[in-house]
């Protein structure tokens, strides 16, 4: 597989500084040599920067740094679309989760040109379906999935083109355990499939993951994995800005990634919300590399 890596230096969407260094921590943990050891070819490595926090002002308290984040996501969408059209696998390293509006919009444009849809597995402690009308914090990293489904600021929704990037029936969120009361209405209205940690515990993670993958592949060309490291329990992934206890174990996280690899229909992947300023000896960066390896084909035997 030819892998096109994009480092996104973005933390304007988050409530805490530092995720702009997340991609660097993943590279320090040895991503490129580990992927090459699996037999993959690194087609290219590029970076997308955004305006420095110190040079910009959040003029809209309900959608902080909207113009800057929009521009970053537009650039990212273009790069991901070009990677897909060149026959490369887009691997995007974050950066806060606001970047997913760029990553997935680029995939949607590339596959939409073939009259195909993109399925998404969204691993996260949160549903990320706030809008400026419902947000408590104004942080856009809590809004990307809403925008990808067609809800929220027009400039974010239209990154994908004339139609929203995603259809609700093509999305499954796994690992949810912290949802703003204000966003539950939109989650319910869209009908997006949400697997809470309670459901994973009650029914079994393997059962839920298998069901989720069947769900998102039903009408799509394949699946994109958007992996927010706060979906993992903070005991295993301490380097995140919004840690929530009771998350996925390392084994459950690998199960998700390995299950996606086994479908042979993984279209792209992004790893987001790694904040090295909160990490412990790059523990979370090393976990990120490990999970990426699992999604791209590393097995125990």
C-alpha atoms as a PDB file:
ATOM      1  CA  UNK A   1       0.000   0.000   0.000  1.00  0.00           C
ATOM      2  CA  UNK A   2       1.204   3.508  -0.816  1.00  0.00           C
ATOM      3  CA  UNK A   3       0.543   5.711   2.199  1.00  0.00           C
ATOM      4  CA  UNK A   4       0.229   9.484   1.973  1.00  0.00           C
ATOM      5  CA  UNK A   5       0.797  11.028   5.414  1.00  0.00           C
ATOM      6  CA  UNK A   6      -0.478  14.469   6.344  1.00  0.00           C
ATOM      7  CA  UNK A   7       0.536  16.124   9.616  1.00  0.00           C
ATOM      8  CA  UNK A   8      -2.079  18.659  10.735  1.00  0.00           C
ATOM      9  CA  UNK A   9      -0.744  21.217  13.189  1.00  0.00           C
ATOM     10  CA  UNK A  10      -4.065  22.359  14.607  1.00  0.00           C
ATOM     11  CA  UNK A  11      -5.187  23.123  18.131  1.00  0.00           C
ATOM     12  CA  UNK A  12      -7.537  26.067  17.540  1.00  0.00           C
ATOM     13  CA  UNK A  13     -10.573  23.797  17.704  1.00  0.00           C
ATOM     14  CA  UNK A  14      -9.742  22.461  21.149  1.00  0.00           C
ATOM     15  CA  UNK A  15     -10.183  23.915  24.600  1.00  0.00           C
ATOM     16  CA  UNK A  16      -6.554  23.252  25.555  1.00  0.00           C
ATOM     17  CA  UNK A  17      -3.400  24.063  23.624  1.00  0.00           C
ATOM     18  CA  UNK A  18      -0.995  21.393  22.444  1.00  0.00           C
ATOM     19  CA  UNK A  19      -2.653  19.110  19.882  1.00  0.00           C
ATOM     20  CA  UNK A  20      -0.799  20.972  17.144  1.00  0.00           C
ATOM     21  CA  UNK A  21       2.244  18.947  18.244  1.00  0.00           C
ATOM     22  CA  UNK A  22       0.423  15.607  18.189  1.00  0.00           C
ATOM     23  CA  UNK A  23       1.627  14.486  14.772  1.00  0.00           C
ATOM     24  CA  UNK A  24       5.228  15.148  15.769  1.00  0.00           C
ATOM     25  CA  UNK A  25       4.843  12.892  18.814  1.00  0.00           C
ATOM     26  CA  UNK A  26       3.494  10.105  16.601  1.00  0.00           C
ATOM     27  CA  UNK A  27       6.494  10.407  14.297  1.00  0.00           C
ATOM     28  CA  UNK A  28       8.875  10.443  17.265  1.00  0.00           C
ATOM     29  CA  UNK A  29       7.283   7.135  18.309  1.00  0.00           C
ATOM     30  CA  UNK A  30       8.505   5.612  15.040  1.00  0.00           C
ATOM     31  CA  UNK A  31       5.504   5.643  12.718  1.00  0.00           C
ATOM     32  CA  UNK A  32       7.284   5.667   9.355  1.00  0.00           C
ATOM     33  CA  UNK A  33       9.772   2.826   9.994  1.00  0.00           C
ATOM     34  CA  UNK A  34       7.011   0.736  11.568  1.00  0.00           C
ATOM     35  CA  UNK A  35       4.801   1.133   8.503  1.00  0.00           C
ATOM     36  CA  UNK A  36       7.688   0.366   6.195  1.00  0.00           C
ATOM     37  CA  UNK A  37       8.406  -2.768   8.225  1.00  0.00           C
ATOM     38  CA  UNK A  38       4.843  -3.883   7.432  1.00  0.00           C
ATOM     39  CA  UNK A  39       5.652  -3.602   3.738  1.00  0.00           C
ATOM     40  CA  UNK A  40       3.962  -0.271   3.068  1.00  0.00           C
ATOM     41  CA  UNK A  41       5.524   2.453   0.954  1.00  0.00           C
ATOM     42  CA  UNK A  42       5.406   6.033   2.196  1.00  0.00           C
ATOM     43  CA  UNK A  43       4.353   7.965  -0.880  1.00  0.00           C
ATOM     44  CA  UNK A  44       4.853  11.344   0.758  1.00  0.00           C
ATOM     45  CA  UNK A  45       4.768  13.200   4.051  1.00  0.00           C
ATOM     46  CA  UNK A  46       3.439  16.747   4.156  1.00  0.00           C
ATOM     47  CA  UNK A  47       2.197  19.200   6.752  1.00  0.00           C
ATOM     48  CA  UNK A  48      -0.696  21.609   6.990  1.00  0.00           C
ATOM     49  CA  UNK A  49      -0.312  24.497   9.380  1.00  0.00           C
ATOM     50  CA  UNK A  50      -2.851  26.981  10.635  1.00  0.00           C
ATOM     51  CA  UNK A  51      -2.647  30.450  12.089  1.00  0.00           C
ATOM     52  CA  UNK A  52      -0.681  30.668  15.305  1.00  0.00           C
ATOM     53  CA  UNK A  53      -2.900  30.949  18.358  1.00  0.00           C
ATOM     54  CA  UNK A  54      -0.923  33.996  19.482  1.00  0.00           C
ATOM     55  CA  UNK A  55      -1.723  35.861  16.261  1.00  0.00           C
ATOM     56  CA  UNK A  56      -5.475  35.366  16.017  1.00  0.00           C
ATOM     57  CA  UNK A  57      -8.544  36.281  18.015  1.00  0.00           C
ATOM     58  CA  UNK A  58     -11.655  34.195  18.527  1.00  0.00           C
ATOM     59  CA  UNK A  59     -14.208  36.713  17.347  1.00  0.00           C
ATOM     60  CA  UNK A  60     -17.228  34.407  17.633  1.00  0.00           C
ATOM     61  CA  UNK A  61     -17.602  32.824  21.072  1.00  0.00           C
ATOM     62  CA  UNK A  62     -20.026  30.209  19.673  1.00  0.00           C
ATOM     63  CA  UNK A  63     -17.607  29.018  16.977  1.00  0.00           C
ATOM     64  CA  UNK A  64     -14.109  29.958  18.039  1.00  0.00           C
ATOM     65  CA  UNK A  65     -11.538  30.505  15.273  1.00  0.00           C
ATOM     66  CA  UNK A  66     -14.049  29.551  12.578  1.00  0.00           C
ATOM     67  CA  UNK A  67     -12.274  31.263   9.619  1.00  0.00           C
ATOM     68  CA  UNK A  68      -8.892  29.753  10.486  1.00  0.00           C
ATOM     69  CA  UNK A  69     -10.254  26.251  11.017  1.00  0.00           C
ATOM     70  CA  UNK A  70     -12.280  26.455   7.807  1.00  0.00           C
ATOM     71  CA  UNK A  71      -9.153  27.329   5.825  1.00  0.00           C
ATOM     72  CA  UNK A  72      -7.151  24.491   7.382  1.00  0.00           C
ATOM     73  CA  UNK A  73      -9.907  21.988   6.611  1.00  0.00           C
ATOM     74  CA  UNK A  74     -10.215  23.232   3.030  1.00  0.00           C
ATOM     75  CA  UNK A  75      -6.487  22.677   2.470  1.00  0.00           C
ATOM     76  CA  UNK A  76      -6.695  19.245   4.077  1.00  0.00           C
ATOM     77  CA  UNK A  77      -9.712  18.246   1.983  1.00  0.00           C
ATOM     78  CA  UNK A  78      -7.817  19.134  -1.179  1.00  0.00           C
ATOM     79  CA  UNK A  79      -4.802  17.085  -0.123  1.00  0.00           C
ATOM     80  CA  UNK A  80      -6.850  14.023   0.869  1.00  0.00           C
ATOM     81  CA  UNK A  81      -8.828  14.148  -2.371  1.00  0.00           C
ATOM     82  CA  UNK A  82      -5.597  14.330  -4.370  1.00  0.00           C
ATOM     83  CA  UNK A  83      -4.125  11.402  -2.436  1.00  0.00           C
ATOM     84  CA  UNK A  84      -7.151   9.211  -3.174  1.00  0.00           C
ATOM     85  CA  UNK A  85      -7.167  10.184  -6.840  1.00  0.00           C
ATOM     86  CA  UNK A  86      -3.463   9.272  -7.031  1.00  0.00           C
ATOM     87  CA  UNK A  87      -4.234   5.822  -5.649  1.00  0.00           C
ATOM     88  CA  UNK A  88      -2.687   6.462  -2.232  1.00  0.00           C
ATOM     89  CA  UNK A  89      -4.046   5.691   1.213  1.00  0.00           C
ATOM     90  CA  UNK A  90      -4.581   8.932   3.180  1.00  0.00           C
ATOM     91  CA  UNK A  91      -3.263   8.760   6.753  1.00  0.00           C
ATOM     92  CA  UNK A  92      -3.895  12.018   8.607  1.00  0.00           C
ATOM     93  CA  UNK A  93      -2.284  12.800  11.946  1.00  0.00           C
ATOM     94  CA  UNK A  94      -3.734  15.479  14.209  1.00  0.00           C
ATOM     95  CA  UNK A  95      -4.353  17.919  15.413  1.00  0.00           C
ATOM     96  CA  UNK A  96      -7.697  18.308  17.131  1.00  0.00           C
ATOM     97  CA  UNK A  97     -10.809  16.537  15.845  1.00  0.00           C
ATOM     98  CA  UNK A  98     -12.041  19.607  13.965  1.00  0.00           C
ATOM     99  CA  UNK A  99      -9.680  18.464  11.202  1.00  0.00           C
ATOM    100  CA  UNK A 100     -12.015  15.548  10.408  1.00  0.00           C
ATOM    101  CA  UNK A 101     -14.168  18.000   8.452  1.00  0.00           C
ATOM    102  CA  UNK A 102     -11.272  18.322   6.023  1.00  0.00           C
ATOM    103  CA  UNK A 103     -10.225  14.680   5.960  1.00  0.00           C
ATOM    104  CA  UNK A 104     -13.698  13.242   5.416  1.00  0.00           C
ATOM    105  CA  UNK A 105     -14.816  15.989   3.036  1.00  0.00           C
ATOM    106  CA  UNK A 106     -11.821  15.181   0.841  1.00  0.00           C
ATOM    107  CA  UNK A 107     -12.725  11.488   0.863  1.00  0.00           C
ATOM    108  CA  UNK A 108     -16.374  12.287   0.146  1.00  0.00           C
ATOM    109  CA  UNK A 109     -15.447  14.425  -2.852  1.00  0.00           C
ATOM    110  CA  UNK A 110     -13.115  11.782  -4.274  1.00  0.00           C
ATOM    111  CA  UNK A 111     -15.607   8.936  -3.925  1.00  0.00           C
ATOM    112  CA  UNK A 112     -18.580  11.110  -4.732  1.00  0.00           C
ATOM    113  CA  UNK A 113     -17.039  11.716  -8.151  1.00  0.00           C
ATOM    114  CA  UNK A 114     -17.418   7.938  -8.628  1.00  0.00           C
ATOM    115  CA  UNK A 115     -21.027   8.066  -7.363  1.00  0.00           C
ATOM    116  CA  UNK A 116     -19.958   6.253  -4.205  1.00  0.00           C
ATOM    117  CA  UNK A 117     -20.443   7.023  -0.522  1.00  0.00           C
ATOM    118  CA  UNK A 118     -18.018   6.832   2.383  1.00  0.00           C
ATOM    119  CA  UNK A 119     -18.710   4.988   5.620  1.00  0.00           C
ATOM    120  CA  UNK A 120     -17.169   6.226   8.850  1.00  0.00           C
ATOM    121  CA  UNK A 121     -16.288   4.596  12.143  1.00  0.00           C
ATOM    122  CA  UNK A 122     -15.868   7.438  14.619  1.00  0.00           C
ATOM    123  CA  UNK A 123     -14.068   6.335  17.799  1.00  0.00           C
ATOM    124  CA  UNK A 124     -14.614   8.942  20.488  1.00  0.00           C
ATOM    125  CA  UNK A 125     -15.717   9.532  24.054  1.00  0.00           C
ATOM    126  CA  UNK A 126     -18.004  12.218  22.613  1.00  0.00           C
ATOM    127  CA  UNK A 127     -20.420  12.403  19.700  1.00  0.00           C
ATOM    128  CA  UNK A 128     -18.994  15.709  18.379  1.00  0.00           C
ATOM    129  CA  UNK A 129     -22.414  16.780  17.126  1.00  0.00           C
ATOM    130  CA  UNK A 130     -22.746  20.219  18.632  1.00  0.00           C
ATOM    131  CA  UNK A 131     -23.444  23.281  16.512  1.00  0.00           C
ATOM    132  CA  UNK A 132     -22.905  26.951  17.344  1.00  0.00           C
ATOM    133  CA  UNK A 133     -26.509  26.985  18.581  1.00  0.00           C
ATOM    134  CA  UNK A 134     -25.988  24.166  21.100  1.00  0.00           C
ATOM    135  CA  UNK A 135     -22.332  24.384  22.076  1.00  0.00           C
ATOM    136  CA  UNK A 136     -21.371  25.048  25.673  1.00  0.00           C
ATOM    137  CA  UNK A 137     -17.717  25.873  24.996  1.00  0.00           C
ATOM    138  CA  UNK A 138     -17.673  27.249  21.455  1.00  0.00           C
ATOM    139  CA  UNK A 139     -14.840  24.824  20.639  1.00  0.00           C
ATOM    140  CA  UNK A 140     -15.211  23.549  17.088  1.00  0.00           C
ATOM    141  CA  UNK A 141     -13.625  20.184  17.852  1.00  0.00           C
ATOM    142  CA  UNK A 142     -17.013  19.373  19.389  1.00  0.00           C
ATOM    143  CA  UNK A 143     -18.815  20.082  16.094  1.00  0.00           C
ATOM    144  CA  UNK A 144     -17.156  18.194  13.198  1.00  0.00           C
ATOM    145  CA  UNK A 145     -19.528  15.262  12.851  1.00  0.00           C
ATOM    146  CA  UNK A 146     -22.539  17.584  12.868  1.00  0.00           C
ATOM    147  CA  UNK A 147     -20.989  19.637  10.070  1.00  0.00           C
ATOM    148  CA  UNK A 148     -20.125  16.530   8.044  1.00  0.00           C
ATOM    149  CA  UNK A 149     -23.782  15.508   8.296  1.00  0.00           C
ATOM    150  CA  UNK A 150     -24.926  18.924   7.096  1.00  0.00           C
ATOM    151  CA  UNK A 151     -25.575  20.800  10.336  1.00  0.00           C
ATOM    152  CA  UNK A 152     -23.744  23.895  11.504  1.00  0.00           C
ATOM    153  CA  UNK A 153     -21.869  26.770   9.848  1.00  0.00           C
ATOM    154  CA  UNK A 154     -22.346  26.813   6.095  1.00  0.00           C
ATOM    155  CA  UNK A 155     -18.646  27.315   5.400  1.00  0.00           C
ATOM    156  CA  UNK A 156     -17.875  24.053   7.195  1.00  0.00           C
ATOM    157  CA  UNK A 157     -20.726  22.064   5.668  1.00  0.00           C
ATOM    158  CA  UNK A 158     -19.840  23.096   2.122  1.00  0.00           C
ATOM    159  CA  UNK A 159     -16.200  21.952   2.301  1.00  0.00           C
ATOM    160  CA  UNK A 160     -17.484  18.665   0.871  1.00  0.00           C
ATOM    161  CA  UNK A 161     -19.298  20.406  -1.970  1.00  0.00           C
ATOM    162  CA  UNK A 162     -22.970  20.819  -2.734  1.00  0.00           C
ATOM    163  CA  UNK A 163     -24.037  17.908  -0.520  1.00  0.00           C
ATOM    164  CA  UNK A 164     -23.041  17.013   3.053  1.00  0.00           C
ATOM    165  CA  UNK A 165     -20.036  14.708   3.243  1.00  0.00           C
ATOM    166  CA  UNK A 166     -21.873  11.925   5.058  1.00  0.00           C
ATOM    167  CA  UNK A 167     -25.236  10.222   5.291  1.00  0.00           C
ATOM    168  CA  UNK A 168     -26.286   9.392   8.863  1.00  0.00           C
ATOM    169  CA  UNK A 169     -26.880   5.726   8.043  1.00  0.00           C
ATOM    170  CA  UNK A 170     -23.213   5.397   6.991  1.00  0.00           C
ATOM    171  CA  UNK A 171     -21.798   6.410  10.395  1.00  0.00           C
ATOM    172  CA  UNK A 172     -21.155   4.536  13.629  1.00  0.00           C
ATOM    173  CA  UNK A 173     -19.688   6.142  16.757  1.00  0.00           C
ATOM    174  CA  UNK A 174     -17.933   3.806  19.178  1.00  0.00           C
ATOM    175  CA  UNK A 175     -16.859   4.444  22.774  1.00  0.00           C
ATOM    176  CA  UNK A 176     -19.260   7.240  23.694  1.00  0.00           C
ATOM    177  CA  UNK A 177     -19.600   8.117  27.371  1.00  0.00           C
ATOM    178  CA  UNK A 178     -19.804  11.926  27.591  1.00  0.00           C
ATOM    179  CA  UNK A 179     -22.475  13.739  25.553  1.00  0.00           C
ATOM    180  CA  UNK A 180     -23.606  17.316  26.076  1.00  0.00           C
ATOM    181  CA  UNK A 181     -27.301  17.382  26.903  1.00  0.00           C
ATOM    182  CA  UNK A 182     -27.701  20.141  24.316  1.00  0.00           C
ATOM    183  CA  UNK A 183     -26.491  17.931  21.445  1.00  0.00           C
ATOM    184  CA  UNK A 184     -28.571  14.836  22.174  1.00  0.00           C
ATOM    185  CA  UNK A 185     -31.485  16.162  20.131  1.00  0.00           C
ATOM    186  CA  UNK A 186     -29.430  16.298  16.932  1.00  0.00           C
ATOM    187  CA  UNK A 187     -27.938  12.872  17.610  1.00  0.00           C
ATOM    188  CA  UNK A 188     -31.440  11.459  17.943  1.00  0.00           C
ATOM    189  CA  UNK A 189     -32.858  13.302  14.912  1.00  0.00           C
ATOM    190  CA  UNK A 190     -30.139  12.146  12.562  1.00  0.00           C
ATOM    191  CA  UNK A 191     -30.333   8.536  13.699  1.00  0.00           C
ATOM    192  CA  UNK A 192     -26.565   8.080  13.693  1.00  0.00           C
ATOM    193  CA  UNK A 193     -25.688   4.734  15.297  1.00  0.00           C
ATOM    194  CA  UNK A 194     -24.034   5.371  18.655  1.00  0.00           C
ATOM    195  CA  UNK A 195     -22.348   2.594  20.637  1.00  0.00           C
ATOM    196  CA  UNK A 196     -21.908   3.806  24.188  1.00  0.00           C
ATOM    197  CA  UNK A 197     -19.470   2.181  26.577  1.00  0.00           C
ATOM    198  CA  UNK A 198     -22.480   0.847  28.454  1.00  0.00           C
ATOM    199  CA  UNK A 199     -23.673  -0.966  25.339  1.00  0.00           C
ATOM    200  CA  UNK A 200     -20.207  -2.336  24.658  1.00  0.00           C
ATOM    201  CA  UNK A 201     -20.101  -3.681  28.214  1.00  0.00           C
ATOM    202  CA  UNK A 202     -23.604  -5.146  28.057  1.00  0.00           C
ATOM    203  CA  UNK A 203     -23.453  -6.766  24.622  1.00  0.00           C
ATOM    204  CA  UNK A 204     -19.719  -7.306  24.199  1.00  0.00           C
ATOM    205  CA  UNK A 205     -17.283  -5.158  22.241  1.00  0.00           C
ATOM    206  CA  UNK A 206     -16.656  -7.777  19.564  1.00  0.00           C
ATOM    207  CA  UNK A 207     -20.366  -8.086  18.805  1.00  0.00           C
ATOM    208  CA  UNK A 208     -20.832  -4.316  18.628  1.00  0.00           C
ATOM    209  CA  UNK A 209     -17.763  -3.744  16.448  1.00  0.00           C
ATOM    210  CA  UNK A 210     -18.833  -6.447  13.995  1.00  0.00           C
ATOM    211  CA  UNK A 211     -22.322  -4.945  13.851  1.00  0.00           C
ATOM    212  CA  UNK A 212     -20.952  -1.418  13.397  1.00  0.00           C
ATOM    213  CA  UNK A 213     -18.739  -2.454  10.497  1.00  0.00           C
ATOM    214  CA  UNK A 214     -21.606  -4.203   8.768  1.00  0.00           C
ATOM    215  CA  UNK A 215     -23.722  -1.082   9.287  1.00  0.00           C
ATOM    216  CA  UNK A 216     -21.269   1.410   7.764  1.00  0.00           C
ATOM    217  CA  UNK A 217     -20.356  -0.814   4.800  1.00  0.00           C
ATOM    218  CA  UNK A 218     -23.906  -1.502   3.698  1.00  0.00           C
ATOM    219  CA  UNK A 219     -24.185   1.314   1.160  1.00  0.00           C
ATOM    220  CA  UNK A 220     -20.605   2.554   0.876  1.00  0.00           C
ATOM    221  CA  UNK A 221     -17.362   2.059  -1.018  1.00  0.00           C
ATOM    222  CA  UNK A 222     -15.605   1.335   2.260  1.00  0.00           C
ATOM    223  CA  UNK A 223     -14.797   2.792   5.655  1.00  0.00           C
ATOM    224  CA  UNK A 224     -12.772   5.672   7.021  1.00  0.00           C
ATOM    225  CA  UNK A 225     -11.546   5.385  10.608  1.00  0.00           C
ATOM    226  CA  UNK A 226     -11.566   8.638  12.577  1.00  0.00           C
ATOM    227  CA  UNK A 227      -9.889   7.744  15.852  1.00  0.00           C
ATOM    228  CA  UNK A 228      -9.978  10.249  18.711  1.00  0.00           C
ATOM    229  CA  UNK A 229      -7.554   9.054  21.353  1.00  0.00           C
ATOM    230  CA  UNK A 230      -9.877  10.239  24.124  1.00  0.00           C
ATOM    231  CA  UNK A 231     -12.015   7.258  23.154  1.00  0.00           C
ATOM    232  CA  UNK A 232      -9.397   5.177  24.946  1.00  0.00           C
ATOM    233  CA  UNK A 233      -9.420   5.104  28.728  1.00  0.00           C
ATOM    234  CA  UNK A 234      -7.046   7.795  30.077  1.00  0.00           C
ATOM    235  CA  UNK A 235      -5.163   5.112  32.015  1.00  0.00           C
ATOM    236  CA  UNK A 236      -3.854   3.969  28.626  1.00  0.00           C
ATOM    237  CA  UNK A 237      -3.973   7.285  26.746  1.00  0.00           C
ATOM    238  CA  UNK A 238      -3.200  10.091  29.201  1.00  0.00           C
ATOM    239  CA  UNK A 239      -2.120  12.573  26.542  1.00  0.00           C
ATOM    240  CA  UNK A 240      -5.511  13.970  25.589  1.00  0.00           C
ATOM    241  CA  UNK A 241      -7.195  17.256  26.400  1.00  0.00           C
ATOM    242  CA  UNK A 242     -10.647  15.911  27.277  1.00  0.00           C
ATOM    243  CA  UNK A 243     -10.068  12.666  29.186  1.00  0.00           C
ATOM    244  CA  UNK A 244     -13.135  10.745  30.339  1.00  0.00           C
ATOM    245  CA  UNK A 245     -12.772   7.710  32.625  1.00  0.00           C
ATOM    246  CA  UNK A 246     -14.274   4.381  31.654  1.00  0.00           C
ATOM    247  CA  UNK A 247     -13.092   4.265  28.055  1.00  0.00           C
ATOM    248  CA  UNK A 248     -11.869   1.607  25.672  1.00  0.00           C
ATOM    249  CA  UNK A 249      -9.076  -0.667  26.807  1.00  0.00           C
ATOM    250  CA  UNK A 250      -5.968  -1.179  24.712  1.00  0.00           C
ATOM    251  CA  UNK A 251      -7.309  -4.578  23.654  1.00  0.00           C
ATOM    252  CA  UNK A 252     -10.683  -3.151  22.616  1.00  0.00           C
ATOM    253  CA  UNK A 253      -8.951  -0.387  20.669  1.00  0.00           C
ATOM    254  CA  UNK A 254      -6.840  -2.930  18.805  1.00  0.00           C
ATOM    255  CA  UNK A 255      -9.932  -5.015  18.134  1.00  0.00           C
ATOM    256  CA  UNK A 256     -11.558  -2.078  16.353  1.00  0.00           C
ATOM    257  CA  UNK A 257      -8.457  -1.415  14.261  1.00  0.00           C
ATOM    258  CA  UNK A 258      -7.789  -5.073  13.442  1.00  0.00           C
ATOM    259  CA  UNK A 259     -11.432  -5.632  12.541  1.00  0.00           C
ATOM    260  CA  UNK A 260     -11.274  -2.745  10.076  1.00  0.00           C
ATOM    261  CA  UNK A 261      -8.082  -4.146   8.564  1.00  0.00           C
ATOM    262  CA  UNK A 262      -9.802  -7.498   8.115  1.00  0.00           C
ATOM    263  CA  UNK A 263     -12.528  -5.920   5.989  1.00  0.00           C
ATOM    264  CA  UNK A 264      -9.932  -4.948   3.358  1.00  0.00           C
ATOM    265  CA  UNK A 265     -12.156  -1.916   2.796  1.00  0.00           C
ATOM    266  CA  UNK A 266     -10.375   0.737   4.841  1.00  0.00           C
ATOM    267  CA  UNK A 267     -10.360   3.908   2.730  1.00  0.00           C
ATOM    268  CA  UNK A 268      -8.467   6.220   5.063  1.00  0.00           C
ATOM    269  CA  UNK A 269      -7.531   6.833   8.669  1.00  0.00           C
ATOM    270  CA  UNK A 270      -6.877   9.722  10.992  1.00  0.00           C
ATOM    271  CA  UNK A 271      -5.547   9.798  14.530  1.00  0.00           C
ATOM    272  CA  UNK A 272      -6.449  12.913  16.485  1.00  0.00           C
ATOM    273  CA  UNK A 273      -6.411  14.761  19.813  1.00  0.00           C
ATOM    274  CA  UNK A 274      -2.944  13.644  20.967  1.00  0.00           C
ATOM    275  CA  UNK A 275      -1.641  16.396  23.245  1.00  0.00           C
ATOM    276  CA  UNK A 276       2.040  15.784  24.078  1.00  0.00           C
ATOM    277  CA  UNK A 277       1.996  18.460  26.792  1.00  0.00           C
ATOM    278  CA  UNK A 278      -0.317  16.201  28.802  1.00  0.00           C
ATOM    279  CA  UNK A 279       1.306  12.883  27.944  1.00  0.00           C
ATOM    280  CA  UNK A 280       3.640  10.715  30.013  1.00  0.00           C
ATOM    281  CA  UNK A 281       6.903   9.847  28.189  1.00  0.00           C
ATOM    282  CA  UNK A 282       5.003   9.730  24.879  1.00  0.00           C
ATOM    283  CA  UNK A 283       2.870   6.825  26.065  1.00  0.00           C
ATOM    284  CA  UNK A 284      -0.089   8.001  24.006  1.00  0.00           C
ATOM    285  CA  UNK A 285       2.080   8.649  20.960  1.00  0.00           C
ATOM    286  CA  UNK A 286       3.368   5.083  21.099  1.00  0.00           C
ATOM    287  CA  UNK A 287      -0.188   3.777  21.451  1.00  0.00           C
ATOM    288  CA  UNK A 288      -1.205   5.787  18.386  1.00  0.00           C
ATOM    289  CA  UNK A 289       1.526   4.137  16.314  1.00  0.00           C
ATOM    290  CA  UNK A 290       0.519   0.717  17.599  1.00  0.00           C
ATOM    291  CA  UNK A 291      -3.120   1.279  16.645  1.00  0.00           C
ATOM    292  CA  UNK A 292      -2.239   2.602  13.201  1.00  0.00           C
ATOM    293  CA  UNK A 293      -0.168  -0.519  12.622  1.00  0.00           C
ATOM    294  CA  UNK A 294      -3.146  -2.689  13.585  1.00  0.00           C
ATOM    295  CA  UNK A 295      -5.459  -0.851  11.202  1.00  0.00           C
ATOM    296  CA  UNK A 296      -2.927  -1.204   8.394  1.00  0.00           C
ATOM    297  CA  UNK A 297      -2.479  -4.914   8.743  1.00  0.00           C
ATOM    298  CA  UNK A 298      -0.228  -5.854  11.647  1.00  0.00           C
ATOM    299  CA  UNK A 299      -1.378  -9.067  13.293  1.00  0.00           C
ATOM    300  CA  UNK A 300      -0.238 -11.149  16.234  1.00  0.00           C
ATOM    301  CA  UNK A 301       0.421 -14.199  14.053  1.00  0.00           C
END
